[in-house]
Every structure is written in structure tokens, then in C-alpha cells.
Amino acid sequence: MPCSAAIAAMANEILARDRVTFRSIKAHGALDDIVVRADIRVDGGPPPVGDRVRYFRMHYSTITGWIMDYETTVVAYYLNIF
């Protein structure tokens, strides 16, 4: 498993390409606590690291807007109905 600095460097390299797209974004849950399903593409294909479909737990703050808390699982996505 690469260290955090290496992951950050890879993320910055991918974002610098300016070809990161989201094929779809869906969400389950309440406005203040949701799980987001994102289908991520890099240069039209799957990301070089990690899965194509990822799940993120997020919450909303009136001061900062949407904040990603952490990456989560497909189970959390389907269990977060309300």
C-alpha cells in the first residue's frame, strides 16, 4: 500500500491531466449525512489506481459546503436510505 504522500502525488498527476470525468453521481441519505456513488473516468477509461465506482460518506456545512468524510462501501450506500 503506497504512503499518503505517494497517493497525493498520483491524485495530483491525474487531476493535472484535466481529463477526469464523472460518468454518473448518485446519492442516498439525508441532506446532512449522505453516501455518494461516483463512477469515475480518467481519459475515458478506468482510473489507474482503485476502482471505477467509488462510494463516499459526505455531510453538508453551511460554512464550508459539502465535505467528504471518508471513502466507504457499497453496503453503506444501500443501507443509508433515509
C-alpha atoms as a PDB file:
ATOM      1  CA  MET A   1       0.000   0.000   0.000  1.00  0.00           C
ATOM      2  CA  PRO A   2       1.547   3.334  -1.021  1.00  0.00           C
ATOM      3  CA  CYS A   3       2.047   6.037   1.599  1.00  0.00           C
ATOM      4  CA  SER A   4      -0.208   9.110   1.780  1.00  0.00           C
ATOM      5  CA  ALA A   5       2.343  11.329   0.033  1.00  0.00           C
ATOM      6  CA  ALA A   6       2.571   8.917  -2.892  1.00  0.00           C
ATOM      7  CA  ILE A   7      -1.227   8.732  -3.165  1.00  0.00           C
ATOM      8  CA  ALA A   8      -1.463  12.536  -3.094  1.00  0.00           C
ATOM      9  CA  ALA A   9       1.177  12.774  -5.830  1.00  0.00           C
ATOM     10  CA  MET A  10      -0.746  10.290  -8.013  1.00  0.00           C
ATOM     11  CA  ALA A  11      -4.005  12.188  -7.431  1.00  0.00           C
ATOM     12  CA  ASN A  12      -2.392  15.497  -8.371  1.00  0.00           C
ATOM     13  CA  GLU A  13      -0.957  13.930 -11.527  1.00  0.00           C
ATOM     14  CA  ILE A  14      -4.361  12.585 -12.539  1.00  0.00           C
ATOM     15  CA  LEU A  15      -6.126  15.886 -11.857  1.00  0.00           C
ATOM     16  CA  ALA A  16      -3.449  17.814 -13.747  1.00  0.00           C
ATOM     17  CA  ARG A  17      -4.425  15.911 -16.911  1.00  0.00           C
ATOM     18  CA  ASP A  18      -7.762  17.753 -16.761  1.00  0.00           C
ATOM     19  CA  ARG A  19      -9.493  14.699 -18.174  1.00  0.00           C
ATOM     20  CA  VAL A  20     -11.145  13.384 -15.037  1.00  0.00           C
ATOM     21  CA  THR A  21     -14.879  12.955 -15.595  1.00  0.00           C
ATOM     22  CA  PHE A  22     -17.775  11.549 -13.644  1.00  0.00           C
ATOM     23  CA  ARG A  23     -19.949   9.244 -15.723  1.00  0.00           C
ATOM     24  CA  SER A  24     -22.608   9.298 -13.003  1.00  0.00           C
ATOM     25  CA  ILE A  25     -23.100  10.609  -9.475  1.00  0.00           C
ATOM     26  CA  LYS A  26     -25.925   9.351  -7.239  1.00  0.00           C
ATOM     27  CA  ALA A  27     -26.651   9.791  -3.539  1.00  0.00           C
ATOM     28  CA  HIS A  28     -28.595   8.090  -0.746  1.00  0.00           C
ATOM     29  CA  GLY A  29     -29.457   9.561   2.633  1.00  0.00           C
ATOM     30  CA  ALA A  30     -30.485  12.769   4.323  1.00  0.00           C
ATOM     31  CA  LEU A  31     -29.103  16.172   3.351  1.00  0.00           C
ATOM     32  CA  ASP A  32     -26.762  16.364   6.333  1.00  0.00           C
ATOM     33  CA  ASP A  33     -25.421  12.788   6.022  1.00  0.00           C
ATOM     34  CA  ILE A  34     -25.311  11.109   2.614  1.00  0.00           C
ATOM     35  CA  VAL A  35     -23.384   8.394   0.823  1.00  0.00           C
ATOM     36  CA  VAL A  36     -22.431   9.281  -2.755  1.00  0.00           C
ATOM     37  CA  ARG A  37     -21.811   6.760  -5.544  1.00  0.00           C
ATOM     38  CA  ALA A  38     -19.423   8.127  -8.175  1.00  0.00           C
ATOM     39  CA  ASP A  39     -18.470   6.445 -11.461  1.00  0.00           C
ATOM     40  CA  ILE A  40     -15.048   7.976 -12.185  1.00  0.00           C
ATOM     41  CA  ARG A  41     -13.279   8.029 -15.570  1.00  0.00           C
ATOM     42  CA  VAL A  42      -9.740   9.165 -16.375  1.00  0.00           C
ATOM     43  CA  ASP A  43      -9.047   9.835 -20.050  1.00  0.00           C
ATOM     44  CA  GLY A  44     -12.235   7.919 -20.886  1.00  0.00           C
ATOM     45  CA  GLY A  45     -11.199   4.742 -19.058  1.00  0.00           C
ATOM     46  CA  PRO A  46     -10.940   3.408 -15.532  1.00  0.00           C
ATOM     47  CA  PRO A  47      -8.699   5.200 -13.020  1.00  0.00           C
ATOM     48  CA  PRO A  48      -5.098   3.934 -12.916  1.00  0.00           C
ATOM     49  CA  VAL A  49      -5.447   3.264  -9.178  1.00  0.00           C
ATOM     50  CA  GLY A  50      -8.539   1.944  -7.414  1.00  0.00           C
ATOM     51  CA  ASP A  51     -11.999   1.017  -8.567  1.00  0.00           C
ATOM     52  CA  ARG A  52     -14.008   2.797 -11.234  1.00  0.00           C
ATOM     53  CA  VAL A  53     -17.053   3.090  -8.950  1.00  0.00           C
ATOM     54  CA  ARG A  54     -16.400   4.569  -5.507  1.00  0.00           C
ATOM     55  CA  TYR A  55     -18.550   5.440  -2.510  1.00  0.00           C
ATOM     56  CA  PHE A  56     -18.040   8.446  -0.231  1.00  0.00           C
ATOM     57  CA  ARG A  57     -19.738   9.473   3.022  1.00  0.00           C
ATOM     58  CA  MET A  58     -20.357  13.220   2.977  1.00  0.00           C
ATOM     59  CA  HIS A  59     -22.055  15.885   5.051  1.00  0.00           C
ATOM     60  CA  TYR A  60     -23.084  19.478   4.432  1.00  0.00           C
ATOM     61  CA  SER A  61     -21.878  22.514   6.379  1.00  0.00           C
ATOM     62  CA  THR A  62     -23.369  25.956   5.874  1.00  0.00           C
ATOM     63  CA  ILE A  63     -19.896  27.446   6.264  1.00  0.00           C
ATOM     64  CA  THR A  64     -17.798  25.178   4.021  1.00  0.00           C
ATOM     65  CA  GLY A  65     -20.381  23.432   1.819  1.00  0.00           C
ATOM     66  CA  TRP A  66     -20.099  19.714   1.031  1.00  0.00           C
ATOM     67  CA  ILE A  67     -17.350  17.849   2.881  1.00  0.00           C
ATOM     68  CA  MET A  68     -16.190  14.307   2.141  1.00  0.00           C
ATOM     69  CA  ASP A  69     -15.720  12.464   5.430  1.00  0.00           C
ATOM     70  CA  TYR A  70     -14.237   9.213   4.100  1.00  0.00           C
ATOM     71  CA  GLU A  71     -14.477   6.579   1.378  1.00  0.00           C
ATOM     72  CA  THR A  72     -16.976   3.876   2.289  1.00  0.00           C
ATOM     73  CA  THR A  73     -18.547   0.721   0.825  1.00  0.00           C
ATOM     74  CA  VAL A  74     -21.437  -0.246  -1.425  1.00  0.00           C
ATOM     75  CA  VAL A  75     -23.185  -1.705   1.648  1.00  0.00           C
ATOM     76  CA  ALA A  76     -23.187   1.700   3.362  1.00  0.00           C
ATOM     77  CA  TYR A  77     -24.632   3.232   0.180  1.00  0.00           C
ATOM     78  CA  TYR A  78     -27.624   0.897   0.079  1.00  0.00           C
ATOM     79  CA  LEU A  79     -28.207   0.940   3.851  1.00  0.00           C
ATOM     80  CA  ASN A  80     -28.257   4.768   4.005  1.00  0.00           C
ATOM     81  CA  ILE A  81     -31.863   5.108   2.825  1.00  0.00           C
ATOM     82  CA  PHE A  82     -33.110   7.999   4.957  1.00  0.00           C
END
